[in-house]
């Protein structure tokens, strides 16, 4: 086996492991169903401003606030 063949084998193995070879991988999936993702928002719609939990505050209060925001938009 030549050095070039070994390099090609390694390169192909790395591509497959990274999902760039012949094998397809799905690295990201939406957190909602296809039906929800396909919905059209009305003209002028502005999504609510959710804050990411920073781990310092009370998690129960964070979830309660996010739930309250979600209920106001439905």
C-alpha atoms as a PDB file:
ATOM      1  CA  UNK A   1       0.000   0.000   0.000  1.00  0.00           C
ATOM      2  CA  UNK A   2       1.396   3.382  -0.970  1.00  0.00           C
ATOM      3  CA  UNK A   3       1.536   6.514   1.150  1.00  0.00           C
ATOM      4  CA  UNK A   4      -1.054   8.167  -1.107  1.00  0.00           C
ATOM      5  CA  UNK A   5      -3.475   5.263  -0.625  1.00  0.00           C
ATOM      6  CA  UNK A   6      -3.044   5.441   3.144  1.00  0.00           C
ATOM      7  CA  UNK A   7      -3.628   9.200   3.077  1.00  0.00           C
ATOM      8  CA  UNK A   8      -6.787   8.691   0.991  1.00  0.00           C
ATOM      9  CA  UNK A   9      -8.052   6.056   3.444  1.00  0.00           C
ATOM     10  CA  UNK A  10      -7.473   8.380   6.382  1.00  0.00           C
ATOM     11  CA  UNK A  11      -9.074  11.348   4.592  1.00  0.00           C
ATOM     12  CA  UNK A  12     -12.152   9.296   3.678  1.00  0.00           C
ATOM     13  CA  UNK A  13     -12.462   7.942   7.236  1.00  0.00           C
ATOM     14  CA  UNK A  14     -12.335  11.480   8.641  1.00  0.00           C
ATOM     15  CA  UNK A  15     -14.963  12.675   6.124  1.00  0.00           C
ATOM     16  CA  UNK A  16     -17.277   9.850   7.127  1.00  0.00           C
ATOM     17  CA  UNK A  17     -16.784  10.570  10.820  1.00  0.00           C
ATOM     18  CA  UNK A  18     -17.543  14.266  10.249  1.00  0.00           C
ATOM     19  CA  UNK A  19     -20.598  13.487   8.143  1.00  0.00           C
ATOM     20  CA  UNK A  20     -19.119  14.725   4.879  1.00  0.00           C
ATOM     21  CA  UNK A  21     -18.693  11.379   3.229  1.00  0.00           C
ATOM     22  CA  UNK A  22     -21.254   9.115   1.669  1.00  0.00           C
ATOM     23  CA  UNK A  23     -22.955   8.559   5.030  1.00  0.00           C
ATOM     24  CA  UNK A  24     -25.477  11.264   5.857  1.00  0.00           C
ATOM     25  CA  UNK A  25     -25.923  12.458   9.398  1.00  0.00           C
ATOM     26  CA  UNK A  26     -28.441  14.839  10.849  1.00  0.00           C
ATOM     27  CA  UNK A  27     -26.716  17.094  13.343  1.00  0.00           C
ATOM     28  CA  UNK A  28     -29.617  19.499  13.946  1.00  0.00           C
ATOM     29  CA  UNK A  29     -33.323  18.943  14.262  1.00  0.00           C
ATOM     30  CA  UNK A  30     -35.896  21.626  14.945  1.00  0.00           C
ATOM     31  CA  UNK A  31     -37.541  21.480  18.363  1.00  0.00           C
ATOM     32  CA  UNK A  32     -41.008  21.487  16.786  1.00  0.00           C
ATOM     33  CA  UNK A  33     -42.991  19.422  14.306  1.00  0.00           C
ATOM     34  CA  UNK A  34     -42.835  20.026  10.557  1.00  0.00           C
ATOM     35  CA  UNK A  35     -46.386  21.387  10.690  1.00  0.00           C
ATOM     36  CA  UNK A  36     -45.417  24.044  13.222  1.00  0.00           C
ATOM     37  CA  UNK A  37     -42.202  24.905  11.363  1.00  0.00           C
ATOM     38  CA  UNK A  38     -44.215  25.438   8.146  1.00  0.00           C
ATOM     39  CA  UNK A  39     -46.656  27.925   9.695  1.00  0.00           C
ATOM     40  CA  UNK A  40     -46.613  31.446   8.292  1.00  0.00           C
ATOM     41  CA  UNK A  41     -46.560  34.277  10.799  1.00  0.00           C
ATOM     42  CA  UNK A  42     -48.859  37.267  10.282  1.00  0.00           C
ATOM     43  CA  UNK A  43     -47.399  40.460   8.837  1.00  0.00           C
ATOM     44  CA  UNK A  44     -45.685  42.478  11.572  1.00  0.00           C
ATOM     45  CA  UNK A  45     -45.415  39.557  14.009  1.00  0.00           C
ATOM     46  CA  UNK A  46     -42.626  39.995  16.549  1.00  0.00           C
ATOM     47  CA  UNK A  47     -41.596  36.931  18.587  1.00  0.00           C
ATOM     48  CA  UNK A  48     -41.403  37.439  22.351  1.00  0.00           C
ATOM     49  CA  UNK A  49     -38.042  38.193  23.897  1.00  0.00           C
ATOM     50  CA  UNK A  50     -37.044  35.110  25.874  1.00  0.00           C
ATOM     51  CA  UNK A  51     -33.966  35.254  28.072  1.00  0.00           C
ATOM     52  CA  UNK A  52     -31.540  32.349  28.240  1.00  0.00           C
ATOM     53  CA  UNK A  53     -31.123  30.852  31.698  1.00  0.00           C
ATOM     54  CA  UNK A  54     -27.693  31.783  33.042  1.00  0.00           C
ATOM     55  CA  UNK A  55     -27.632  29.276  35.913  1.00  0.00           C
ATOM     56  CA  UNK A  56     -27.360  31.981  38.566  1.00  0.00           C
ATOM     57  CA  UNK A  57     -31.006  32.816  39.229  1.00  0.00           C
ATOM     58  CA  UNK A  58     -33.836  30.625  40.481  1.00  0.00           C
ATOM     59  CA  UNK A  59     -34.645  28.060  37.739  1.00  0.00           C
ATOM     60  CA  UNK A  60     -38.275  27.738  38.863  1.00  0.00           C
ATOM     61  CA  UNK A  61     -38.802  31.472  38.475  1.00  0.00           C
ATOM     62  CA  UNK A  62     -37.132  31.377  35.043  1.00  0.00           C
ATOM     63  CA  UNK A  63     -39.467  28.611  33.847  1.00  0.00           C
ATOM     64  CA  UNK A  64     -42.495  30.334  35.358  1.00  0.00           C
ATOM     65  CA  UNK A  65     -41.633  33.569  33.551  1.00  0.00           C
ATOM     66  CA  UNK A  66     -41.065  31.786  30.216  1.00  0.00           C
ATOM     67  CA  UNK A  67     -44.370  29.939  30.636  1.00  0.00           C
ATOM     68  CA  UNK A  68     -46.173  33.205  31.334  1.00  0.00           C
ATOM     69  CA  UNK A  69     -44.656  34.796  28.206  1.00  0.00           C
ATOM     70  CA  UNK A  70     -45.637  31.796  26.088  1.00  0.00           C
ATOM     71  CA  UNK A  71     -49.229  31.959  27.357  1.00  0.00           C
ATOM     72  CA  UNK A  72     -49.556  35.642  26.459  1.00  0.00           C
ATOM     73  CA  UNK A  73     -48.779  34.979  22.799  1.00  0.00           C
ATOM     74  CA  UNK A  74     -51.170  32.068  22.270  1.00  0.00           C
END
